[in-house]
C-alpha atoms as a PDB file:
ATOM      1  CA  UNK A   1      96.028 120.203 105.428  1.00  0.00           C
ATOM      2  CA  UNK A   2      96.582 123.664 104.100  1.00  0.00           C
ATOM      3  CA  UNK A   3     100.257 124.809 104.137  1.00  0.00           C
ATOM      4  CA  UNK A   4     101.603 121.163 103.540  1.00  0.00           C
ATOM      5  CA  UNK A   5     104.462 120.772 100.845  1.00  0.00           C
ATOM      6  CA  UNK A   6     103.245 117.183  99.283  1.00  0.00           C
ATOM      7  CA  UNK A   7     106.092 116.231  96.657  1.00  0.00           C
ATOM      8  CA  UNK A   8     104.663 113.305  94.803  1.00  0.00           C
ATOM      9  CA  UNK A   9     107.581 111.209  93.657  1.00  0.00           C
ATOM     10  CA  UNK A  10     105.606 110.625  89.837  1.00  0.00           C
ATOM     11  CA  UNK A  11     105.867 114.345  89.046  1.00  0.00           C
ATOM     12  CA  UNK A  12     107.725 114.590  85.993  1.00  0.00           C
ATOM     13  CA  UNK A  13     109.172 117.401  83.960  1.00  0.00           C
ATOM     14  CA  UNK A  14     109.965 117.701  80.385  1.00  0.00           C
ATOM     15  CA  UNK A  15     112.483 115.064  80.812  1.00  0.00           C
ATOM     16  CA  UNK A  16     109.988 112.797  81.552  1.00  0.00           C
ATOM     17  CA  UNK A  17     111.732 111.398  84.243  1.00  0.00           C
ATOM     18  CA  UNK A  18     109.475 111.368  88.158  1.00  0.00           C
ATOM     19  CA  UNK A  19     110.987 114.039  90.481  1.00  0.00           C
ATOM     20  CA  UNK A  20     112.366 111.326  93.012  1.00  0.00           C
ATOM     21  CA  UNK A  21     114.586 110.394  90.125  1.00  0.00           C
ATOM     22  CA  UNK A  22     115.901 113.912  89.186  1.00  0.00           C
ATOM     23  CA  UNK A  23     116.415 114.669  92.547  1.00  0.00           C
ATOM     24  CA  UNK A  24     118.792 111.314  92.783  1.00  0.00           C
ATOM     25  CA  UNK A  25     121.098 112.314  89.505  1.00  0.00           C
ATOM     26  CA  UNK A  26     121.284 116.270  91.147  1.00  0.00           C
ATOM     27  CA  UNK A  27     122.747 114.841  94.335  1.00  0.00           C
ATOM     28  CA  UNK A  28     125.250 112.417  92.323  1.00  0.00           C
ATOM     29  CA  UNK A  29     126.229 115.311  89.890  1.00  0.00           C
ATOM     30  CA  UNK A  30     126.603 117.320  93.355  1.00  0.00           C
ATOM     31  CA  UNK A  31     128.670 114.255  95.033  1.00  0.00           C
ATOM     32  CA  UNK A  32     131.017 113.418  92.199  1.00  0.00           C
ATOM     33  CA  UNK A  33     131.949 117.091  90.487  1.00  0.00           C
ATOM     34  CA  UNK A  34     132.992 120.759  91.761  1.00  0.00           C
ATOM     35  CA  UNK A  35     129.985 122.164  89.676  1.00  0.00           C
ATOM     36  CA  UNK A  36     127.492 125.101  90.131  1.00  0.00           C
ATOM     37  CA  UNK A  37     124.982 123.809  92.810  1.00  0.00           C
ATOM     38  CA  UNK A  38     121.888 126.267  90.838  1.00  0.00           C
ATOM     39  CA  UNK A  39     123.240 124.841  87.647  1.00  0.00           C
ATOM     40  CA  UNK A  40     122.704 121.365  88.476  1.00  0.00           C
ATOM     41  CA  UNK A  41     119.456 121.929  90.145  1.00  0.00           C
ATOM     42  CA  UNK A  42     118.252 124.061  87.081  1.00  0.00           C
ATOM     43  CA  UNK A  43     119.106 121.477  84.215  1.00  0.00           C
ATOM     44  CA  UNK A  44     117.638 118.725  86.842  1.00  0.00           C
ATOM     45  CA  UNK A  45     114.535 121.003  87.301  1.00  0.00           C
ATOM     46  CA  UNK A  46     114.416 119.991  91.068  1.00  0.00           C
ATOM     47  CA  UNK A  47     114.599 122.378  94.586  1.00  0.00           C
ATOM     48  CA  UNK A  48     116.909 122.646  97.448  1.00  0.00           C
ATOM     49  CA  UNK A  49     113.326 120.954  98.872  1.00  0.00           C
ATOM     50  CA  UNK A  50     113.108 118.012  96.867  1.00  0.00           C
ATOM     51  CA  UNK A  51     117.013 117.667  97.329  1.00  0.00           C
ATOM     52  CA  UNK A  52     116.210 117.242 101.120  1.00  0.00           C
ATOM     53  CA  UNK A  53     113.128 115.398 100.730  1.00  0.00           C
ATOM     54  CA  UNK A  54     114.442 112.379  98.602  1.00  0.00           C
ATOM     55  CA  UNK A  55     118.261 112.592 100.086  1.00  0.00           C
ATOM     56  CA  UNK A  56     117.639 109.481 102.550  1.00  0.00           C
ATOM     57  CA  UNK A  57     115.983 107.503  99.531  1.00  0.00           C
ATOM     58  CA  UNK A  58     119.256 108.236  97.886  1.00  0.00           C
ATOM     59  CA  UNK A  59     121.543 107.433 100.874  1.00  0.00           C
ATOM     60  CA  UNK A  60     119.589 104.153 100.833  1.00  0.00           C
ATOM     61  CA  UNK A  61     119.800 103.270  97.051  1.00  0.00           C
ATOM     62  CA  UNK A  62     124.059 104.129  97.692  1.00  0.00           C
ATOM     63  CA  UNK A  63     124.049 101.310 100.501  1.00  0.00           C
ATOM     64  CA  UNK A  64     122.281  98.962  98.605  1.00  0.00           C
ATOM     65  CA  UNK A  65     124.617  99.215  95.447  1.00  0.00           C
ATOM     66  CA  UNK A  66     127.810  99.294  97.773  1.00  0.00           C
ATOM     67  CA  UNK A  67     126.606  96.709  99.389  1.00  0.00           C
ATOM     68  CA  UNK A  68     126.007  94.188  95.730  1.00  0.00           C
ATOM     69  CA  UNK A  69     129.562  95.337  94.374  1.00  0.00           C
ATOM     70  CA  UNK A  70     130.890  93.909  97.787  1.00  0.00           C
ATOM     71  CA  UNK A  71     129.697  90.303  96.921  1.00  0.00           C
END
């Protein structure tokens, strides 16, 4: 158990949003804008590790949203 990094999705910030949602917001910002990466991370209170951890769930969310729009 020692040395393992566990990041619960329900860890919240001052915004009250779970870490998972803040990471998704940051990923959307980084995808759609040419902006300072460190600023986006700071504003959303997430780390590069958070982005990596939630990347797959964000991609799945995008796939579902794109599929829903094609119906």
